Amino acid sequence: MKGAAMYQETMNQIHKFANERHMLYRSAANHGLTPDETRRLHELNDQLPILWDRYRREYAGRNRAVSETLTSRAA
């Protein structure tokens, strides 16, 4: 279950960052962004692809472990 918790935590972080980014985009459309908000938006845009890559690797690793377990049980 450790692997599942790991990729779920990564997905939770993705959701958190994506929601924050969405709020900043809305703010930018309404009244613009402060320099700190602009910097944060760039950080989020940099971090989200990295988090998605981590999620895919964690999820693939979990699926590989499950597949290997099923294969070993069948043998």
PDB file of N, CA and C in Angstrom:
ATOM      1  N   MET A   1       0.819  -1.204   0.000  1.00  0.00           N
ATOM      2  CA  MET A   1       0.000   0.000   0.000  1.00  0.00           C
ATOM      3  C   MET A   1       0.858   1.262   0.000  1.00  0.00           C
ATOM      4  N   LYS A   2       2.129   1.083   0.346  1.00  0.00           N
ATOM      5  CA  LYS A   2       3.024   2.235   0.385  1.00  0.00           C
ATOM      6  C   LYS A   2       3.114   2.929  -0.962  1.00  0.00           C
ATOM      7  N   GLY A   3       3.209   2.151  -2.050  1.00  0.00           N
ATOM      8  CA  GLY A   3       3.281   2.715  -3.391  1.00  0.00           C
ATOM      9  C   GLY A   3       2.034   3.500  -3.744  1.00  0.00           C
ATOM     10  N   ALA A   4       0.873   2.955  -3.372  1.00  0.00           N
ATOM     11  CA  ALA A   4      -0.395   3.634  -3.658  1.00  0.00           C
ATOM     12  C   ALA A   4      -0.462   4.957  -2.920  1.00  0.00           C
ATOM     13  N   ALA A   5      -0.023   4.963  -1.687  1.00  0.00           N
ATOM     14  CA  ALA A   5      -0.032   6.200  -0.902  1.00  0.00           C
ATOM     15  C   ALA A   5       0.916   7.221  -1.519  1.00  0.00           C
ATOM     16  N   MET A   6       2.028   6.747  -2.057  1.00  0.00           N
ATOM     17  CA  MET A   6       3.011   7.645  -2.644  1.00  0.00           C
ATOM     18  C   MET A   6       2.441   8.346  -3.867  1.00  0.00           C
ATOM     19  N   TYR A   7       1.855   7.588  -4.791  1.00  0.00           N
ATOM     20  CA  TYR A   7       1.344   8.248  -5.987  1.00  0.00           C
ATOM     21  C   TYR A   7       0.089   9.051  -5.684  1.00  0.00           C
ATOM     22  N   GLN A   8      -0.675   8.665  -4.645  1.00  0.00           N
ATOM     23  CA  GLN A   8      -1.845   9.454  -4.265  1.00  0.00           C
ATOM     24  C   GLN A   8      -1.423  10.798  -3.679  1.00  0.00           C
ATOM     25  N   GLU A   9      -0.351  10.804  -2.901  1.00  0.00           N
ATOM     26  CA  GLU A   9       0.162  12.058  -2.353  1.00  0.00           C
ATOM     27  C   GLU A   9       0.640  12.981  -3.475  1.00  0.00           C
ATOM     28  N   THR A  10       1.293  12.410  -4.469  1.00  0.00           N
ATOM     29  CA  THR A  10       1.735  13.205  -5.617  1.00  0.00           C
ATOM     30  C   THR A  10       0.532  13.792  -6.347  1.00  0.00           C
ATOM     31  N   MET A  11      -0.519  12.990  -6.542  1.00  0.00           N
ATOM     32  CA  MET A  11      -1.723  13.491  -7.211  1.00  0.00           C
ATOM     33  C   MET A  11      -2.379  14.599  -6.383  1.00  0.00           C
ATOM     34  N   ASN A  12      -2.388  14.451  -5.074  1.00  0.00           N
ATOM     35  CA  ASN A  12      -2.937  15.509  -4.219  1.00  0.00           C
ATOM     36  C   ASN A  12      -2.167  16.816  -4.387  1.00  0.00           C
ATOM     37  N   GLN A  13      -0.855  16.705  -4.490  1.00  0.00           N
ATOM     38  CA  GLN A  13      -0.031  17.892  -4.698  1.00  0.00           C
ATOM     39  C   GLN A  13      -0.304  18.507  -6.066  1.00  0.00           C
ATOM     40  N   ILE A  14      -0.495  17.678  -7.080  1.00  0.00           N
ATOM     41  CA  ILE A  14      -0.840  18.166  -8.418  1.00  0.00           C
ATOM     42  C   ILE A  14      -2.139  18.961  -8.361  1.00  0.00           C
ATOM     43  N   HIS A  15      -3.141  18.404  -7.697  1.00  0.00           N
ATOM     44  CA  HIS A  15      -4.432  19.099  -7.576  1.00  0.00           C
ATOM     45  C   HIS A  15      -4.281  20.432  -6.843  1.00  0.00           C
ATOM     46  N   LYS A  16      -3.515  20.423  -5.773  1.00  0.00           N
ATOM     47  CA  LYS A  16      -3.301  21.645  -4.999  1.00  0.00           C
ATOM     48  C   LYS A  16      -2.640  22.720  -5.860  1.00  0.00           C
ATOM     49  N   PHE A  17      -1.582  22.342  -6.568  1.00  0.00           N
ATOM     50  CA  PHE A  17      -0.869  23.306  -7.408  1.00  0.00           C
ATOM     51  C   PHE A  17      -1.737  23.774  -8.574  1.00  0.00           C
ATOM     52  N   ALA A  18      -2.478  22.847  -9.178  1.00  0.00           N
ATOM     53  CA  ALA A  18      -3.338  23.217 -10.310  1.00  0.00           C
ATOM     54  C   ALA A  18      -4.437  24.184  -9.860  1.00  0.00           C
ATOM     55  N   ASN A  19      -5.018  23.942  -8.698  1.00  0.00           N
ATOM     56  CA  ASN A  19      -6.040  24.861  -8.173  1.00  0.00           C
ATOM     57  C   ASN A  19      -5.459  26.232  -7.874  1.00  0.00           C
ATOM     58  N   GLU A  20      -4.261  26.247  -7.288  1.00  0.00           N
ATOM     59  CA  GLU A  20      -3.608  27.525  -6.998  1.00  0.00           C
ATOM     60  C   GLU A  20      -3.305  28.275  -8.297  1.00  0.00           C
ATOM     61  N   ARG A  21      -2.838  27.550  -9.290  1.00  0.00           N
ATOM     62  CA  ARG A  21      -2.544  28.168 -10.583  1.00  0.00           C
ATOM     63  C   ARG A  21      -3.813  28.740 -11.208  1.00  0.00           C
ATOM     64  N   HIS A  22      -4.898  27.992 -11.119  1.00  0.00           N
ATOM     65  CA  HIS A  22      -6.173  28.459 -11.658  1.00  0.00           C
ATOM     66  C   HIS A  22      -6.605  29.755 -10.968  1.00  0.00           C
ATOM     67  N   MET A  23      -6.457  29.818  -9.661  1.00  0.00           N
ATOM     68  CA  MET A  23      -6.812  31.043  -8.916  1.00  0.00           C
ATOM     69  C   MET A  23      -5.952  32.222  -9.374  1.00  0.00           C
ATOM     70  N   LEU A  24      -4.679  31.960  -9.622  1.00  0.00           N
ATOM     71  CA  LEU A  24      -3.795  33.034 -10.085  1.00  0.00           C
ATOM     72  C   LEU A  24      -4.168  33.489 -11.492  1.00  0.00           C
ATOM     73  N   TYR A  25      -4.542  32.553 -12.365  1.00  0.00           N
ATOM     74  CA  TYR A  25      -4.991  32.933 -13.708  1.00  0.00           C
ATOM     75  C   TYR A  25      -6.245  33.800 -13.622  1.00  0.00           C
ATOM     76  N   ARG A  26      -7.169  33.421 -12.746  1.00  0.00           N
ATOM     77  CA  ARG A  26      -8.388  34.221 -12.580  1.00  0.00           C
ATOM     78  C   ARG A  26      -8.059  35.609 -12.061  1.00  0.00           C
ATOM     79  N   SER A  27      -7.169  35.653 -11.106  1.00  0.00           N
ATOM     80  CA  SER A  27      -6.750  36.932 -10.551  1.00  0.00           C
ATOM     81  C   SER A  27      -6.088  37.796 -11.623  1.00  0.00           C
ATOM     82  N   ALA A  28      -5.272  37.178 -12.443  1.00  0.00           N
ATOM     83  CA  ALA A  28      -4.601  37.913 -13.515  1.00  0.00           C
ATOM     84  C   ALA A  28      -5.617  38.490 -14.490  1.00  0.00           C
ATOM     85  N   ALA A  29      -6.656  37.734 -14.780  1.00  0.00           N
ATOM     86  CA  ALA A  29      -7.677  38.208 -15.717  1.00  0.00           C
ATOM     87  C   ALA A  29      -8.489  39.356 -15.127  1.00  0.00           C
ATOM     88  N   ASN A  30      -8.685  39.331 -13.825  1.00  0.00           N
ATOM     89  CA  ASN A  30      -9.510  40.352 -13.174  1.00  0.00           C
ATOM     90  C   ASN A  30      -8.769  41.648 -12.880  1.00  0.00           C
ATOM     91  N   HIS A  31      -7.577  41.537 -12.357  1.00  0.00           N
ATOM     92  CA  HIS A  31      -6.877  42.759 -11.946  1.00  0.00           C
ATOM     93  C   HIS A  31      -5.368  42.709 -12.068  1.00  0.00           C
ATOM     94  N   GLY A  32      -4.855  41.674 -12.691  1.00  0.00           N
ATOM     95  CA  GLY A  32      -3.408  41.572 -12.847  1.00  0.00           C
ATOM     96  C   GLY A  32      -2.775  40.896 -11.634  1.00  0.00           C
ATOM     97  N   LEU A  33      -1.492  40.639 -11.745  1.00  0.00           N
ATOM     98  CA  LEU A  33      -0.771  39.956 -10.679  1.00  0.00           C
ATOM     99  C   LEU A  33       0.325  40.840 -10.113  1.00  0.00           C
ATOM    100  N   THR A  34       0.572  40.663  -8.832  1.00  0.00           N
ATOM    101  CA  THR A  34       1.710  41.327  -8.202  1.00  0.00           C
ATOM    102  C   THR A  34       2.975  40.595  -8.645  1.00  0.00           C
ATOM    103  N   PRO A  35       4.137  41.192  -8.427  1.00  0.00           N
ATOM    104  CA  PRO A  35       5.376  40.471  -8.765  1.00  0.00           C
ATOM    105  C   PRO A  35       5.498  39.131  -8.027  1.00  0.00           C
ATOM    106  N   ASP A  36       5.065  39.072  -6.770  1.00  0.00           N
ATOM    107  CA  ASP A  36       5.115  37.803  -6.030  1.00  0.00           C
ATOM    108  C   ASP A  36       4.165  36.771  -6.632  1.00  0.00           C
ATOM    109  N   GLU A  37       2.984  37.200  -7.034  1.00  0.00           N
ATOM    110  CA  GLU A  37       2.036  36.289  -7.650  1.00  0.00           C
ATOM    111  C   GLU A  37       2.546  35.799  -9.003  1.00  0.00           C
ATOM    112  N   THR A  38       3.167  36.687  -9.751  1.00  0.00           N
ATOM    113  CA  THR A  38       3.747  36.305 -11.041  1.00  0.00           C
ATOM    114  C   THR A  38       4.847  35.272 -10.845  1.00  0.00           C
ATOM    115  N   ARG A  39       5.700  35.502  -9.857  1.00  0.00           N
ATOM    116  CA  ARG A  39       6.775  34.555  -9.554  1.00  0.00           C
ATOM    117  C   ARG A  39       6.182  33.200  -9.154  1.00  0.00           C
ATOM    118  N   ARG A  40       5.141  33.218  -8.330  1.00  0.00           N
ATOM    119  CA  ARG A  40       4.513  31.974  -7.902  1.00  0.00           C
ATOM    120  C   ARG A  40       3.891  31.228  -9.090  1.00  0.00           C
ATOM    121  N   LEU A  41       3.267  31.968  -9.988  1.00  0.00           N
ATOM    122  CA  LEU A  41       2.687  31.351 -11.174  1.00  0.00           C
ATOM    123  C   LEU A  41       3.767  30.653 -12.003  1.00  0.00           C
ATOM    124  N   HIS A  42       4.914  31.287 -12.150  1.00  0.00           N
ATOM    125  CA  HIS A  42       6.026  30.657 -12.883  1.00  0.00           C
ATOM    126  C   HIS A  42       6.508  29.401 -12.154  1.00  0.00           C
ATOM    127  N   GLU A  43       6.571  29.464 -10.818  1.00  0.00           N
ATOM    128  CA  GLU A  43       6.980  28.287 -10.047  1.00  0.00           C
ATOM    129  C   GLU A  43       6.010  27.129 -10.269  1.00  0.00           C
ATOM    130  N   LEU A  44       4.730  27.434 -10.217  1.00  0.00           N
ATOM    131  CA  LEU A  44       3.719  26.396 -10.424  1.00  0.00           C
ATOM    132  C   LEU A  44       3.817  25.808 -11.820  1.00  0.00           C
ATOM    133  N   ASN A  45       3.987  26.663 -12.824  1.00  0.00           N
ATOM    134  CA  ASN A  45       4.112  26.185 -14.205  1.00  0.00           C
ATOM    135  C   ASN A  45       5.364  25.347 -14.404  1.00  0.00           C
ATOM    136  N   ASP A  46       6.392  25.605 -13.624  1.00  0.00           N
ATOM    137  CA  ASP A  46       7.607  24.786 -13.679  1.00  0.00           C
ATOM    138  C   ASP A  46       7.423  23.459 -12.954  1.00  0.00           C
ATOM    139  N   GLN A  47       6.729  23.478 -11.817  1.00  0.00           N
ATOM    140  CA  GLN A  47       6.600  22.297 -10.970  1.00  0.00           C
ATOM    141  C   GLN A  47       5.573  21.285 -11.462  1.00  0.00           C
ATOM    142  N   LEU A  48       4.499  21.738 -12.070  1.00  0.00           N
ATOM    143  CA  LEU A  48       3.445  20.809 -12.467  1.00  0.00           C
ATOM    144  C   LEU A  48       3.916  19.725 -13.447  1.00  0.00           C
ATOM    145  N   PRO A  49       4.666  20.052 -14.491  1.00  0.00           N
ATOM    146  CA  PRO A  49       5.141  18.967 -15.372  1.00  0.00           C
ATOM    147  C   PRO A  49       6.048  17.970 -14.644  1.00  0.00           C
ATOM    148  N   ILE A  50       6.825  18.458 -13.703  1.00  0.00           N
ATOM    149  CA  ILE A  50       7.704  17.581 -12.920  1.00  0.00           C
ATOM    150  C   ILE A  50       6.864  16.638 -12.058  1.00  0.00           C
ATOM    151  N   LEU A  51       5.824  17.189 -11.434  1.00  0.00           N
ATOM    152  CA  LEU A  51       4.943  16.360 -10.612  1.00  0.00           C
ATOM    153  C   LEU A  51       4.202  15.324 -11.448  1.00  0.00           C
ATOM    154  N   TRP A  52       3.743  15.713 -12.634  1.00  0.00           N
ATOM    155  CA  TRP A  52       3.062  14.757 -13.511  1.00  0.00           C
ATOM    156  C   TRP A  52       4.011  13.631 -13.910  1.00  0.00           C
ATOM    157  N   ASP A  53       5.250  13.952 -14.194  1.00  0.00           N
ATOM    158  CA  ASP A  53       6.233  12.926 -14.551  1.00  0.00           C
ATOM    159  C   ASP A  53       6.457  11.984 -13.368  1.00  0.00           C
ATOM    160  N   ARG A  54       6.594  12.554 -12.164  1.00  0.00           N
ATOM    161  CA  ARG A  54       6.766  11.731 -10.970  1.00  0.00           C
ATOM    162  C   ARG A  54       5.555  10.814 -10.779  1.00  0.00           C
ATOM    163  N   TYR A  55       4.364  11.356 -10.949  1.00  0.00           N
ATOM    164  CA  TYR A  55       3.140  10.565 -10.792  1.00  0.00           C
ATOM    165  C   TYR A  55       3.124   9.382 -11.768  1.00  0.00           C
ATOM    166  N   ARG A  56       3.454   9.659 -13.023  1.00  0.00           N
ATOM    167  CA  ARG A  56       3.457   8.583 -14.020  1.00  0.00           C
ATOM    168  C   ARG A  56       4.462   7.487 -13.654  1.00  0.00           C
ATOM    169  N   ARG A  57       5.640   7.898 -13.170  1.00  0.00           N
ATOM    170  CA  ARG A  57       6.642   6.906 -12.785  1.00  0.00           C
ATOM    171  C   ARG A  57       6.190   6.097 -11.575  1.00  0.00           C
ATOM    172  N   GLU A  58       5.625   6.765 -10.572  1.00  0.00           N
ATOM    173  CA  GLU A  58       5.145   6.067  -9.378  1.00  0.00           C
ATOM    174  C   GLU A  58       4.013   5.105  -9.736  1.00  0.00           C
ATOM    175  N   TYR A  59       3.096   5.567 -10.561  1.00  0.00           N
ATOM    176  CA  TYR A  59       1.959   4.740 -10.948  1.00  0.00           C
ATOM    177  C   TYR A  59       2.419   3.534 -11.772  1.00  0.00           C
ATOM    178  N   ALA A  60       3.332   3.767 -12.686  1.00  0.00           N
ATOM    179  CA  ALA A  60       3.856   2.668 -13.504  1.00  0.00           C
ATOM    180  C   ALA A  60       4.608   1.670 -12.629  1.00  0.00           C
ATOM    181  N   GLY A  61       5.360   2.155 -11.667  1.00  0.00           N
ATOM    182  CA  GLY A  61       6.083   1.261 -10.765  1.00  0.00           C
ATOM    183  C   GLY A  61       5.136   0.416  -9.936  1.00  0.00           C
ATOM    184  N   ARG A  62       4.045   1.014  -9.510  1.00  0.00           N
ATOM    185  CA  ARG A  62       3.041   0.279  -8.740  1.00  0.00           C
ATOM    186  C   ARG A  62       2.415  -0.796  -9.609  1.00  0.00           C
ATOM    187  N   ASN A  63       2.057  -0.440 -10.823  1.00  0.00           N
ATOM    188  CA  ASN A  63       1.444  -1.423 -11.730  1.00  0.00           C
ATOM    189  C   ASN A  63       2.412  -2.553 -12.062  1.00  0.00           C
ATOM    190  N   ARG A  64       3.686  -2.233 -12.198  1.00  0.00           N
ATOM    191  CA  ARG A  64       4.690  -3.264 -12.481  1.00  0.00           C
ATOM    192  C   ARG A  64       4.785  -4.221 -11.297  1.00  0.00           C
ATOM    193  N   ALA A  65       4.772  -3.690 -10.075  1.00  0.00           N
ATOM    194  CA  ALA A  65       4.851  -4.528  -8.881  1.00  0.00           C
ATOM    195  C   ALA A  65       3.634  -5.446  -8.771  1.00  0.00           C
ATOM    196  N   VAL A  66       2.461  -4.923  -9.071  1.00  0.00           N
ATOM    197  CA  VAL A  66       1.246  -5.731  -9.031  1.00  0.00           C
ATOM    198  C   VAL A  66       1.325  -6.830 -10.080  1.00  0.00           C
ATOM    199  N   SER A  67       1.771  -6.485 -11.282  1.00  0.00           N
ATOM    200  CA  SER A  67       1.897  -7.471 -12.358  1.00  0.00           C
ATOM    201  C   SER A  67       2.877  -8.566 -11.987  1.00  0.00           C
ATOM    202  N   GLU A  68       4.009  -8.205 -11.396  1.00  0.00           N
ATOM    203  CA  GLU A  68       5.001  -9.196 -10.987  1.00  0.00           C
ATOM    204  C   GLU A  68       4.459 -10.096  -9.888  1.00  0.00           C
ATOM    205  N   THR A  69       3.667  -9.535  -8.984  1.00  0.00           N
ATOM    206  CA  THR A  69       3.059 -10.329  -7.916  1.00  0.00           C
ATOM    207  C   THR A  69       2.079 -11.342  -8.505  1.00  0.00           C
ATOM    208  N   LEU A  70       1.260 -10.887  -9.436  1.00  0.00           N
ATOM    209  CA  LEU A  70       0.296 -11.797 -10.061  1.00  0.00           C
ATOM    210  C   LEU A  70       1.005 -12.892 -10.852  1.00  0.00           C
ATOM    211  N   THR A  71       2.080 -12.519 -11.536  1.00  0.00           N
ATOM    212  CA  THR A  71       2.833 -13.485 -12.324  1.00  0.00           C
ATOM    213  C   THR A  71       3.464 -14.537 -11.413  1.00  0.00           C
ATOM    214  N   SER A  72       4.014 -14.106 -10.290  1.00  0.00           N
ATOM    215  CA  SER A  72       4.667 -15.054  -9.377  1.00  0.00           C
ATOM    216  C   SER A  72       3.648 -15.981  -8.725  1.00  0.00           C
ATOM    217  N   ARG A  73       2.433 -15.513  -8.503  1.00  0.00           N
ATOM    218  CA  ARG A  73       1.383 -16.352  -7.921  1.00  0.00           C
ATOM    219  C   ARG A  73       0.911 -17.410  -8.921  1.00  0.00           C
ATOM    220  N   ALA A  74       0.934 -17.054 -10.194  1.00  0.00           N
ATOM    221  CA  ALA A  74       0.465 -17.971 -11.232  1.00  0.00           C
ATOM    222  C   ALA A  74       1.481 -19.096 -11.471  1.00  0.00           C
ATOM    223  N   ALA A  75       2.724 -18.841 -11.123  1.00  0.00           N
ATOM    224  CA  ALA A  75       3.794 -19.826 -11.397  1.00  0.00           C
ATOM    225  C   ALA A  75       3.825 -20.941 -10.396  1.00  0.00           C
TER     226      ALA A  75
END
